[in-house]
Amino acid sequence: MKANYGYTDGSGDYYITIETEGCLKCTEHDCVDACPQDVFAIIEDDYDDLVAAVVEEHRRSLAYVCSECKPASDPPPLPCVEACPQNAISHSW
């Protein structure tokens, strides 16, 4: 299952998608430590599994909170994406 966190406004779509099946395979959750803006937390989902999620306070401001990690031209891999050994994190902007 995919969990989408974010929003759409007049300037575009700003979502972080976490593939929960991949996230379940991870025991370290390095994405939490890799994010300099503390966007991620480990939560217990509806099935009592521990998975990464975007914290509530950042869900409506991802374009601004994550802008430090996403330069405008020729962006390198984002720290959270690079830290995920399961390739379970993606961004839509």
Protein backbone atom coordinates (compact mmCIF):
# COMPACT_ATOMS: atom_id res chain seq x y z
CA MET A 1 0.00 0.00 0.00
CA LYS A 2 1.14 3.55 -0.65
CA ALA A 3 0.72 6.29 1.92
CA ASN A 4 0.62 9.81 0.42
CA TYR A 5 1.36 12.83 2.59
CA GLY A 6 1.10 16.37 1.30
CA TYR A 7 -1.15 18.72 -0.60
CA THR A 8 -2.02 20.36 -3.91
CA ASP A 9 -2.26 24.12 -4.31
CA GLY A 10 -2.18 26.65 -7.14
CA SER A 11 1.54 26.17 -7.66
CA GLY A 12 1.54 22.37 -7.90
CA ASP A 13 1.45 19.01 -6.15
CA TYR A 14 3.66 18.46 -3.14
CA TYR A 15 3.56 14.89 -1.87
CA ILE A 16 5.86 12.42 -0.21
CA THR A 17 4.81 8.85 -0.94
CA ILE A 18 5.90 5.98 1.28
CA GLU A 19 5.47 2.43 0.01
CA THR A 20 4.49 0.75 3.27
CA GLU A 21 5.38 -2.77 2.13
CA GLY A 22 8.96 -1.66 1.55
CA CYS A 23 8.99 0.32 4.77
CA LEU A 24 7.96 -2.79 6.72
CA LYS A 25 11.08 -4.57 5.51
CA CYS A 26 13.28 -1.88 7.04
CA THR A 27 14.41 -2.23 10.64
CA GLU A 28 16.60 0.86 10.85
CA HIS A 29 14.33 3.59 9.42
CA ASP A 30 17.32 5.70 8.42
CA CYS A 31 15.01 8.16 6.63
CA VAL A 32 14.05 9.64 10.01
CA ASP A 33 17.67 10.47 10.89
CA ALA A 34 18.58 11.50 7.33
CA CYS A 35 15.96 14.27 7.14
CA PRO A 36 17.46 17.59 8.33
CA GLN A 37 13.96 19.05 8.76
CA ASP A 38 12.55 16.26 10.97
CA VAL A 39 9.76 15.55 8.50
CA PHE A 40 9.51 11.83 9.33
CA ALA A 41 8.50 9.87 12.40
CA ILE A 42 7.95 6.18 13.01
CA ILE A 43 4.30 5.46 13.78
CA GLU A 44 2.15 2.41 14.38
CA ASP A 45 -0.17 2.02 11.40
CA ASP A 46 -3.70 0.61 11.27
CA TYR A 47 -2.25 -2.92 11.21
CA ASP A 48 -0.02 -2.42 14.28
CA ASP A 49 3.12 -2.24 12.13
CA LEU A 50 5.86 0.36 12.62
CA VAL A 51 6.31 2.47 9.49
CA ALA A 52 7.66 5.89 8.57
CA ALA A 53 5.18 8.72 8.13
CA VAL A 54 5.30 12.47 7.57
CA VAL A 55 4.53 14.26 10.83
CA GLU A 56 1.24 16.13 10.86
CA GLU A 57 2.76 19.60 11.30
CA HIS A 58 4.69 19.32 8.01
CA ARG A 59 2.04 17.78 5.75
CA ARG A 60 0.63 21.13 4.56
CA SER A 61 4.03 22.81 4.08
CA LEU A 62 6.25 20.24 2.36
CA ALA A 63 7.16 22.59 -0.50
CA TYR A 64 8.76 24.95 2.00
CA VAL A 65 10.05 22.49 4.59
CA CYS A 66 11.75 20.26 2.01
CA SER A 67 13.04 23.07 -0.23
CA GLU A 68 16.47 22.97 1.41
CA CYS A 69 16.96 19.40 0.17
CA LYS A 70 15.49 19.92 -3.31
CA PRO A 71 17.51 22.45 -5.28
CA ALA A 72 15.99 23.85 -8.46
CA SER A 73 18.49 22.54 -11.02
CA ASP A 74 20.12 19.12 -11.39
CA PRO A 75 19.02 17.91 -7.95
CA PRO A 76 21.02 15.17 -6.23
CA PRO A 77 19.06 12.38 -4.54
CA LEU A 78 17.17 13.67 -1.53
CA PRO A 79 18.67 12.59 1.82
CA CYS A 80 15.54 10.66 2.86
CA VAL A 81 15.31 8.86 -0.49
CA GLU A 82 19.02 8.06 -0.48
CA ALA A 83 18.83 6.75 3.12
CA CYS A 84 15.99 4.32 2.35
CA PRO A 85 17.49 0.91 1.51
CA GLN A 86 14.08 -0.34 0.32
CA ASN A 87 13.49 2.54 -2.14
CA ALA A 88 10.15 3.07 -0.40
CA ILE A 89 10.16 6.91 -0.44
CA SER A 90 9.39 9.17 -3.38
CA HIS A 91 8.52 12.84 -3.89
CA SER A 92 6.10 14.29 -6.42
CA TRP A 93 7.47 17.79 -6.97
